[in-house]
PDB file of N, CA and C in Angstrom:
ATOM      1  N   MET A   1       8.120  21.072  -3.267  1.00  0.00           N
ATOM      2  CA  MET A   1       9.030  21.636  -2.291  1.00  0.00           C
ATOM      3  C   MET A   1      10.365  21.941  -2.973  1.00  0.00           C
ATOM      4  N   THR A   2      11.022  22.975  -2.581  1.00  0.00           N
ATOM      5  CA  THR A   2      12.286  23.411  -3.160  1.00  0.00           C
ATOM      6  C   THR A   2      13.435  22.573  -2.626  1.00  0.00           C
ATOM      7  N   ASP A   3      14.375  22.220  -3.505  1.00  0.00           N
ATOM      8  CA  ASP A   3      15.588  21.524  -3.072  1.00  0.00           C
ATOM      9  C   ASP A   3      16.469  22.543  -2.372  1.00  0.00           C
ATOM     10  N   TYR A   4      16.704  22.352  -1.078  1.00  0.00           N
ATOM     11  CA  TYR A   4      17.404  23.367  -0.294  1.00  0.00           C
ATOM     12  C   TYR A   4      18.833  23.622  -0.745  1.00  0.00           C
ATOM     13  N   HIS A   5      19.408  22.727  -1.539  1.00  0.00           N
ATOM     14  CA  HIS A   5      20.774  22.959  -2.019  1.00  0.00           C
ATOM     15  C   HIS A   5      20.815  24.070  -3.070  1.00  0.00           C
ATOM     16  N   ASP A   6      19.674  24.358  -3.676  1.00  0.00           N
ATOM     17  CA  ASP A   6      19.607  25.360  -4.739  1.00  0.00           C
ATOM     18  C   ASP A   6      19.152  26.733  -4.258  1.00  0.00           C
ATOM     19  N   VAL A   7      18.855  26.869  -2.982  1.00  0.00           N
ATOM     20  CA  VAL A   7      18.301  28.119  -2.465  1.00  0.00           C
ATOM     21  C   VAL A   7      19.384  29.188  -2.353  1.00  0.00           C
ATOM     22  N   ALA A   8      19.115  30.350  -2.933  1.00  0.00           N
ATOM     23  CA  ALA A   8      20.023  31.496  -2.815  1.00  0.00           C
ATOM     24  C   ALA A   8      19.386  32.488  -1.846  1.00  0.00           C
ATOM     25  N   VAL A   9      19.857  32.491  -0.621  1.00  0.00           N
ATOM     26  CA  VAL A   9      19.327  33.378   0.408  1.00  0.00           C
ATOM     27  C   VAL A   9      20.004  34.739   0.280  1.00  0.00           C
ATOM     28  N   THR A  10      19.209  35.786   0.202  1.00  0.00           N
ATOM     29  CA  THR A  10      19.748  37.139   0.086  1.00  0.00           C
ATOM     30  C   THR A  10      20.345  37.623   1.401  1.00  0.00           C
ATOM     31  N   LEU A  11      19.666  37.300   2.518  1.00  0.00           N
ATOM     32  CA  LEU A  11      20.134  37.747   3.828  1.00  0.00           C
ATOM     33  C   LEU A  11      19.928  36.644   4.860  1.00  0.00           C
ATOM     34  N   PRO A  12      21.011  36.086   5.390  1.00  0.00           N
ATOM     35  CA  PRO A  12      20.855  35.109   6.469  1.00  0.00           C
ATOM     36  C   PRO A  12      20.157  35.762   7.661  1.00  0.00           C
ATOM     37  N   ALA A  13      19.149  35.079   8.187  1.00  0.00           N
ATOM     38  CA  ALA A  13      18.389  35.624   9.313  1.00  0.00           C
ATOM     39  C   ALA A  13      17.707  34.488  10.059  1.00  0.00           C
ATOM     40  N   ASP A  14      17.421  34.737  11.319  1.00  0.00           N
ATOM     41  CA  ASP A  14      16.679  33.798  12.157  1.00  0.00           C
ATOM     42  C   ASP A  14      15.297  34.395  12.379  1.00  0.00           C
ATOM     43  N   VAL A  15      14.273  33.727  11.884  1.00  0.00           N
ATOM     44  CA  VAL A  15      12.906  34.247  11.971  1.00  0.00           C
ATOM     45  C   VAL A  15      12.454  34.451  13.418  1.00  0.00           C
ATOM     46  N   ASN A  16      13.153  33.851  14.369  1.00  0.00           N
ATOM     47  CA  ASN A  16      12.804  34.001  15.785  1.00  0.00           C
ATOM     48  C   ASN A  16      13.532  35.154  16.465  1.00  0.00           C
ATOM     49  N   GLN A  17      14.442  35.825  15.760  1.00  0.00           N
ATOM     50  CA  GLN A  17      15.182  36.959  16.326  1.00  0.00           C
ATOM     51  C   GLN A  17      14.384  38.239  16.091  1.00  0.00           C
ATOM     52  N   VAL A  18      13.565  38.594  17.058  1.00  0.00           N
ATOM     53  CA  VAL A  18      12.722  39.785  16.971  1.00  0.00           C
ATOM     54  C   VAL A  18      13.176  40.767  18.045  1.00  0.00           C
ATOM     55  N   ASP A  19      13.363  42.024  17.659  1.00  0.00           N
ATOM     56  CA  ASP A  19      13.802  43.016  18.655  1.00  0.00           C
ATOM     57  C   ASP A  19      12.624  43.862  19.133  1.00  0.00           C
ATOM     58  N   GLU A  20      12.931  44.948  19.826  1.00  0.00           N
ATOM     59  CA  GLU A  20      11.890  45.789  20.425  1.00  0.00           C
ATOM     60  C   GLU A  20      10.989  46.466  19.396  1.00  0.00           C
ATOM     61  N   THR A  21      11.408  46.480  18.124  1.00  0.00           N
ATOM     62  CA  THR A  21      10.563  47.058  17.076  1.00  0.00           C
ATOM     63  C   THR A  21       9.425  46.116  16.690  1.00  0.00           C
ATOM     64  N   GLY A  22       9.564  44.849  17.064  1.00  0.00           N
ATOM     65  CA  GLY A  22       8.581  43.844  16.681  1.00  0.00           C
ATOM     66  C   GLY A  22       8.903  43.166  15.359  1.00  0.00           C
ATOM     67  N   PHE A  23      10.032  43.549  14.756  1.00  0.00           N
ATOM     68  CA  PHE A  23      10.445  42.958  13.486  1.00  0.00           C
ATOM     69  C   PHE A  23      11.627  42.013  13.686  1.00  0.00           C
ATOM     70  N   VAL A  24      11.732  41.052  12.769  1.00  0.00           N
ATOM     71  CA  VAL A  24      12.925  40.207  12.706  1.00  0.00           C
ATOM     72  C   VAL A  24      14.085  41.110  12.326  1.00  0.00           C
ATOM     73  N   TRP A  25      15.256  40.832  12.882  1.00  0.00           N
ATOM     74  CA  TRP A  25      16.421  41.641  12.536  1.00  0.00           C
ATOM     75  C   TRP A  25      17.590  40.740  12.161  1.00  0.00           C
ATOM     76  N   ALA A  26      18.505  41.294  11.363  1.00  0.00           N
ATOM     77  CA  ALA A  26      19.727  40.602  10.956  1.00  0.00           C
ATOM     78  C   ALA A  26      20.776  41.661  10.630  1.00  0.00           C
ATOM     79  N   PHE A  27      22.017  41.220  10.548  1.00  0.00           N
ATOM     80  CA  PHE A  27      23.097  42.133  10.190  1.00  0.00           C
ATOM     81  C   PHE A  27      23.273  42.169   8.674  1.00  0.00           C
ATOM     82  N   LEU A  28      23.302  43.361   8.109  1.00  0.00           N
ATOM     83  CA  LEU A  28      23.509  43.535   6.673  1.00  0.00           C
ATOM     84  C   LEU A  28      24.819  42.909   6.224  1.00  0.00           C
ATOM     85  N   GLU A  29      25.798  42.906   7.096  1.00  0.00           N
ATOM     86  CA  GLU A  29      27.117  42.382   6.743  1.00  0.00           C
ATOM     87  C   GLU A  29      27.076  40.895   6.379  1.00  0.00           C
ATOM     88  N   GLY A  30      26.007  40.193   6.729  1.00  0.00           N
ATOM     89  CA  GLY A  30      25.873  38.781   6.382  1.00  0.00           C
ATOM     90  C   GLY A  30      25.366  38.552   4.967  1.00  0.00           C
ATOM     91  N   ALA A  31      24.918  39.602   4.306  1.00  0.00           N
ATOM     92  CA  ALA A  31      24.345  39.473   2.962  1.00  0.00           C
ATOM     93  C   ALA A  31      25.424  39.255   1.917  1.00  0.00           C
ATOM     94  N   ALA A  32      25.180  38.286   1.035  1.00  0.00           N
ATOM     95  CA  ALA A  32      26.105  38.041  -0.069  1.00  0.00           C
ATOM     96  C   ALA A  32      26.045  39.185  -1.081  1.00  0.00           C
ATOM     97  N   GLU A  33      24.857  39.759  -1.266  1.00  0.00           N
ATOM     98  CA  GLU A  33      24.651  40.886  -2.180  1.00  0.00           C
ATOM     99  C   GLU A  33      23.931  42.002  -1.423  1.00  0.00           C
ATOM    100  N   PRO A  34      24.666  42.762  -0.608  1.00  0.00           N
ATOM    101  CA  PRO A  34      24.019  43.772   0.231  1.00  0.00           C
ATOM    102  C   PRO A  34      23.274  44.854  -0.548  1.00  0.00           C
ATOM    103  N   ASP A  35      23.611  45.065  -1.815  1.00  0.00           N
ATOM    104  CA  ASP A  35      22.909  46.079  -2.605  1.00  0.00           C
ATOM    105  C   ASP A  35      21.454  45.692  -2.881  1.00  0.00           C
ATOM    106  N   ARG A  36      21.108  44.413  -2.731  1.00  0.00           N
ATOM    107  CA  ARG A  36      19.722  43.953  -2.913  1.00  0.00           C
ATOM    108  C   ARG A  36      18.869  44.223  -1.673  1.00  0.00           C
ATOM    109  N   VAL A  37      19.532  44.517  -0.548  1.00  0.00           N
ATOM    110  CA  VAL A  37      18.833  44.715   0.722  1.00  0.00           C
ATOM    111  C   VAL A  37      18.638  46.211   0.930  1.00  0.00           C
ATOM    112  N   ARG A  38      17.447  46.687   0.586  1.00  0.00           N
ATOM    113  CA  ARG A  38      17.135  48.112   0.708  1.00  0.00           C
ATOM    114  C   ARG A  38      15.681  48.236   1.167  1.00  0.00           C
ATOM    115  N   PRO A  39      15.333  49.310   1.836  1.00  0.00           N
ATOM    116  CA  PRO A  39      13.965  49.465   2.325  1.00  0.00           C
ATOM    117  C   PRO A  39      12.934  49.272   1.209  1.00  0.00           C
ATOM    118  N   GLY A  40      11.939  48.463   1.503  1.00  0.00           N
ATOM    119  CA  GLY A  40      10.881  48.171   0.543  1.00  0.00           C
ATOM    120  C   GLY A  40      11.119  46.940  -0.304  1.00  0.00           C
ATOM    121  N   ALA A  41      12.360  46.462  -0.363  1.00  0.00           N
ATOM    122  CA  ALA A  41      12.682  45.303  -1.197  1.00  0.00           C
ATOM    123  C   ALA A  41      12.076  44.029  -0.617  1.00  0.00           C
ATOM    124  N   LEU A  42      11.630  43.145  -1.501  1.00  0.00           N
ATOM    125  CA  LEU A  42      11.167  41.822  -1.118  1.00  0.00           C
ATOM    126  C   LEU A  42      12.332  40.873  -1.341  1.00  0.00           C
ATOM    127  N   ILE A  43      12.766  40.187  -0.275  1.00  0.00           N
ATOM    128  CA  ILE A  43      13.948  39.332  -0.365  1.00  0.00           C
ATOM    129  C   ILE A  43      13.658  37.953   0.224  1.00  0.00           C
ATOM    130  N   VAL A  44      14.548  37.016  -0.081  1.00  0.00           N
ATOM    131  CA  VAL A  44      14.541  35.714   0.580  1.00  0.00           C
ATOM    132  C   VAL A  44      15.550  35.799   1.710  1.00  0.00           C
ATOM    133  N   ALA A  45      15.071  35.572   2.914  1.00  0.00           N
ATOM    134  CA  ALA A  45      15.923  35.599   4.105  1.00  0.00           C
ATOM    135  C   ALA A  45      15.876  34.223   4.760  1.00  0.00           C
ATOM    136  N   GLY A  46      16.603  34.075   5.852  1.00  0.00           N
ATOM    137  CA  GLY A  46      16.631  32.800   6.557  1.00  0.00           C
ATOM    138  C   GLY A  46      17.873  32.021   6.201  1.00  0.00           C
ATOM    139  N   ASP A  47      17.676  30.745   5.881  1.00  0.00           N
ATOM    140  CA  ASP A  47      18.788  29.904   5.438  1.00  0.00           C
ATOM    141  C   ASP A  47      18.259  28.934   4.386  1.00  0.00           C
ATOM    142  N   ALA A  48      19.144  28.113   3.839  1.00  0.00           N
ATOM    143  CA  ALA A  48      18.758  27.221   2.747  1.00  0.00           C
ATOM    144  C   ALA A  48      17.704  26.202   3.170  1.00  0.00           C
ATOM    145  N   ILE A  49      17.685  25.830   4.429  1.00  0.00           N
ATOM    146  CA  ILE A  49      16.731  24.826   4.902  1.00  0.00           C
ATOM    147  C   ILE A  49      15.381  25.451   5.250  1.00  0.00           C
ATOM    148  N   GLU A  50      15.392  26.644   5.837  1.00  0.00           N
ATOM    149  CA  GLU A  50      14.148  27.322   6.219  1.00  0.00           C
ATOM    150  C   GLU A  50      14.127  28.763   5.702  1.00  0.00           C
ATOM    151  N   PRO A  51      14.021  28.929   4.381  1.00  0.00           N
ATOM    152  CA  PRO A  51      13.958  30.289   3.838  1.00  0.00           C
ATOM    153  C   PRO A  51      12.578  30.894   4.065  1.00  0.00           C
ATOM    154  N   PHE A  52      12.530  32.215   4.090  1.00  0.00           N
ATOM    155  CA  PHE A  52      11.242  32.902   4.162  1.00  0.00           C
ATOM    156  C   PHE A  52      11.315  34.190   3.358  1.00  0.00           C
ATOM    157  N   LEU A  53      10.161  34.629   2.869  1.00  0.00           N
ATOM    158  CA  LEU A  53      10.073  35.899   2.159  1.00  0.00           C
ATOM    159  C   LEU A  53       9.884  37.003   3.175  1.00  0.00           C
ATOM    160  N   ALA A  54      10.577  38.106   2.951  1.00  0.00           N
ATOM    161  CA  ALA A  54      10.468  39.232   3.875  1.00  0.00           C
ATOM    162  C   ALA A  54      10.576  40.542   3.113  1.00  0.00           C
ATOM    163  N   ARG A  55       9.894  41.540   3.628  1.00  0.00           N
ATOM    164  CA  ARG A  55      10.004  42.900   3.111  1.00  0.00           C
ATOM    165  C   ARG A  55      10.979  43.634   4.012  1.00  0.00           C
ATOM    166  N   VAL A  56      11.972  44.304   3.420  1.00  0.00           N
ATOM    167  CA  VAL A  56      12.933  45.082   4.203  1.00  0.00           C
ATOM    168  C   VAL A  56      12.224  46.336   4.697  1.00  0.00           C
ATOM    169  N   VAL A  57      12.176  46.494   6.018  1.00  0.00           N
ATOM    170  CA  VAL A  57      11.514  47.644   6.636  1.00  0.00           C
ATOM    171  C   VAL A  57      12.451  48.840   6.662  1.00  0.00           C
ATOM    172  N   ASP A  58      13.640  48.622   7.211  1.00  0.00           N
ATOM    173  CA  ASP A  58      14.625  49.703   7.288  1.00  0.00           C
ATOM    174  C   ASP A  58      16.006  49.146   7.566  1.00  0.00           C
ATOM    175  N   LEU A  59      16.988  50.022   7.472  1.00  0.00           N
ATOM    176  CA  LEU A  59      18.369  49.719   7.834  1.00  0.00           C
ATOM    177  C   LEU A  59      18.777  50.773   8.850  1.00  0.00           C
ATOM    178  N   VAL A  60      19.304  50.325   9.983  1.00  0.00           N
ATOM    179  CA  VAL A  60      19.700  51.254  11.041  1.00  0.00           C
ATOM    180  C   VAL A  60      21.117  50.938  11.496  1.00  0.00           C
ATOM    181  N   ASP A  61      21.768  51.952  12.053  1.00  0.00           N
ATOM    182  CA  ASP A  61      23.113  51.752  12.572  1.00  0.00           C
ATOM    183  C   ASP A  61      23.076  50.781  13.739  1.00  0.00           C
ATOM    184  N   GLY A  62      24.003  49.827  13.712  1.00  0.00           N
ATOM    185  CA  GLY A  62      24.127  48.853  14.789  1.00  0.00           C
ATOM    186  C   GLY A  62      25.410  49.077  15.557  1.00  0.00           C
ATOM    187  N   PRO A  63      25.738  48.165  16.446  1.00  0.00           N
ATOM    188  CA  PRO A  63      26.961  48.300  17.230  1.00  0.00           C
ATOM    189  C   PRO A  63      28.213  48.091  16.379  1.00  0.00           C
ATOM    190  N   LYS A  64      29.265  48.766  16.752  1.00  0.00           N
ATOM    191  CA  LYS A  64      30.595  48.568  16.140  1.00  0.00           C
ATOM    192  C   LYS A  64      30.573  48.648  14.615  1.00  0.00           C
ATOM    193  N   ASP A  65      30.006  49.723  14.084  1.00  0.00           N
ATOM    194  CA  ASP A  65      29.986  49.975  12.635  1.00  0.00           C
ATOM    195  C   ASP A  65      29.269  48.889  11.829  1.00  0.00           C
ATOM    196  N   THR A  66      28.247  48.281  12.404  1.00  0.00           N
ATOM    197  CA  THR A  66      27.432  47.319  11.669  1.00  0.00           C
ATOM    198  C   THR A  66      26.110  47.985  11.288  1.00  0.00           C
ATOM    199  N   THR A  67      25.388  47.329  10.407  1.00  0.00           N
ATOM    200  CA  THR A  67      24.069  47.809  10.009  1.00  0.00           C
ATOM    201  C   THR A  67      23.045  46.726  10.310  1.00  0.00           C
ATOM    202  N   ILE A  68      21.987  47.112  11.002  1.00  0.00           N
ATOM    203  CA  ILE A  68      20.909  46.180  11.322  1.00  0.00           C
ATOM    204  C   ILE A  68      19.789  46.365  10.306  1.00  0.00           C
ATOM    205  N   VAL A  69      19.302  45.240   9.796  1.00  0.00           N
ATOM    206  CA  VAL A  69      18.196  45.225   8.846  1.00  0.00           C
ATOM    207  C   VAL A  69      16.960  44.709   9.576  1.00  0.00           C
ATOM    208  N   HIS A  70      15.870  45.458   9.509  1.00  0.00           N
ATOM    209  CA  HIS A  70      14.600  44.986  10.064  1.00  0.00           C
ATOM    210  C   HIS A  70      13.768  44.401   8.929  1.00  0.00           C
ATOM    211  N   LEU A  71      13.180  43.238   9.196  1.00  0.00           N
ATOM    212  CA  LEU A  71      12.425  42.503   8.192  1.00  0.00           C
ATOM    213  C   LEU A  71      10.997  42.243   8.648  1.00  0.00           C
ATOM    214  N   ASP A  72      10.055  42.435   7.743  1.00  0.00           N
ATOM    215  CA  ASP A  72       8.662  42.079   7.979  1.00  0.00           C
ATOM    216  C   ASP A  72       8.421  40.767   7.230  1.00  0.00           C
ATOM    217  N   VAL A  73       8.163  39.698   7.958  1.00  0.00           N
ATOM    218  CA  VAL A  73       8.009  38.375   7.355  1.00  0.00           C
ATOM    219  C   VAL A  73       6.718  38.317   6.546  1.00  0.00           C
ATOM    220  N   VAL A  74       6.854  37.932   5.280  1.00  0.00           N
ATOM    221  CA  VAL A  74       5.715  37.833   4.373  1.00  0.00           C
ATOM    222  C   VAL A  74       5.173  36.407   4.352  1.00  0.00           C
ATOM    223  N   GLY A  75       6.046  35.423   4.354  1.00  0.00           N
ATOM    224  CA  GLY A  75       5.629  34.023   4.319  1.00  0.00           C
ATOM    225  C   GLY A  75       6.738  33.146   3.793  1.00  0.00           C
ATOM    226  N   VAL A  76       6.380  31.912   3.480  1.00  0.00           N
ATOM    227  CA  VAL A  76       7.370  30.983   2.940  1.00  0.00           C
ATOM    228  C   VAL A  76       7.254  30.961   1.420  1.00  0.00           C
ATOM    229  N   PRO A  77       8.371  30.795   0.720  1.00  0.00           N
ATOM    230  CA  PRO A  77       8.362  30.872  -0.743  1.00  0.00           C
ATOM    231  C   PRO A  77       7.377  29.926  -1.419  1.00  0.00           C
ATOM    232  N   ASP A  78       7.270  28.686  -0.936  1.00  0.00           N
ATOM    233  CA  ASP A  78       6.370  27.734  -1.592  1.00  0.00           C
ATOM    234  C   ASP A  78       4.922  28.205  -1.559  1.00  0.00           C
ATOM    235  N   ASP A  79       4.492  28.806  -0.446  1.00  0.00           N
ATOM    236  CA  ASP A  79       3.123  29.328  -0.359  1.00  0.00           C
ATOM    237  C   ASP A  79       2.917  30.481  -1.336  1.00  0.00           C
ATOM    238  N   ALA A  80       3.916  31.346  -1.442  1.00  0.00           N
ATOM    239  CA  ALA A  80       3.820  32.481  -2.360  1.00  0.00           C
ATOM    240  C   ALA A  80       3.746  31.993  -3.807  1.00  0.00           C
ATOM    241  N   ILE A  81       4.546  30.999  -4.146  1.00  0.00           N
ATOM    242  CA  ILE A  81       4.534  30.451  -5.506  1.00  0.00           C
ATOM    243  C   ILE A  81       3.179  29.829  -5.815  1.00  0.00           C
ATOM    244  N   ASP A  82       2.629  29.073  -4.861  1.00  0.00           N
ATOM    245  CA  ASP A  82       1.302  28.478  -5.068  1.00  0.00           C
ATOM    246  C   ASP A  82       0.252  29.552  -5.344  1.00  0.00           C
ATOM    247  N   GLU A  83       0.293  30.634  -4.576  1.00  0.00           N
ATOM    248  CA  GLU A  83      -0.694  31.702  -4.766  1.00  0.00           C
ATOM    249  C   GLU A  83      -0.498  32.410  -6.112  1.00  0.00           C
ATOM    250  N   LEU A  84       0.755  32.642  -6.513  1.00  0.00           N
ATOM    251  CA  LEU A  84       1.018  33.274  -7.806  1.00  0.00           C
ATOM    252  C   LEU A  84       0.560  32.382  -8.956  1.00  0.00           C
ATOM    253  N   ARG A  85       0.723  31.069  -8.810  1.00  0.00           N
ATOM    254  CA  ARG A  85       0.223  30.147  -9.837  1.00  0.00           C
ATOM    255  C   ARG A  85      -1.304  30.166  -9.873  1.00  0.00           C
ATOM    256  N   HIS A  86      -1.924  30.184  -8.711  1.00  0.00           N
ATOM    257  CA  HIS A  86      -3.387  30.237  -8.636  1.00  0.00           C
ATOM    258  C   HIS A  86      -3.915  31.502  -9.326  1.00  0.00           C
ATOM    259  N   ALA A  87      -3.203  32.600  -9.171  1.00  0.00           N
ATOM    260  CA  ALA A  87      -3.598  33.869  -9.793  1.00  0.00           C
ATOM    261  C   ALA A  87      -3.192  33.947 -11.263  1.00  0.00           C
ATOM    262  N   ARG A  88      -2.578  32.877 -11.758  1.00  0.00           N
ATOM    263  CA  ARG A  88      -2.103  32.782 -13.142  1.00  0.00           C
ATOM    264  C   ARG A  88      -1.022  33.806 -13.462  1.00  0.00           C
ATOM    265  N   LEU A  89      -0.260  34.177 -12.436  1.00  0.00           N
ATOM    266  CA  LEU A  89       0.874  35.077 -12.650  1.00  0.00           C
ATOM    267  C   LEU A  89       2.153  34.294 -12.912  1.00  0.00           C
ATOM    268  N   LEU A  90       2.125  32.990 -12.608  1.00  0.00           N
ATOM    269  CA  LEU A  90       3.210  32.069 -12.929  1.00  0.00           C
ATOM    270  C   LEU A  90       2.605  30.873 -13.648  1.00  0.00           C
ATOM    271  N   PRO A  91       3.378  30.232 -14.535  1.00  0.00           N
ATOM    272  CA  PRO A  91       2.840  29.051 -15.220  1.00  0.00           C
ATOM    273  C   PRO A  91       2.623  27.897 -14.240  1.00  0.00           C
ATOM    274  N   GLN A  92       1.640  27.054 -14.569  1.00  0.00           N
ATOM    275  CA  GLN A  92       1.362  25.872 -13.754  1.00  0.00           C
ATOM    276  C   GLN A  92       2.496  24.919 -13.952  1.00  0.00           C
TER     277      GLN A  92
END
């Protein structure tokens, strides 16, 4: 399991915040490195305690000059790492 103090979340998001598109959404303005958040990018979203992997679906104009990011949840990082190790794409 990952030590949550070391987690660098690209975009703070709540996995339970789903809008009418059916995707999780968050405000781009919350990103520490907004240039990493672009359509098609695979990012770590959530927070340090409950991070999740997500694919950026799109960026749309939000209220009051904000940008809304739609995210397609891929899974949790530990599961992805286990699968990559199983496939021998990461060292054991």
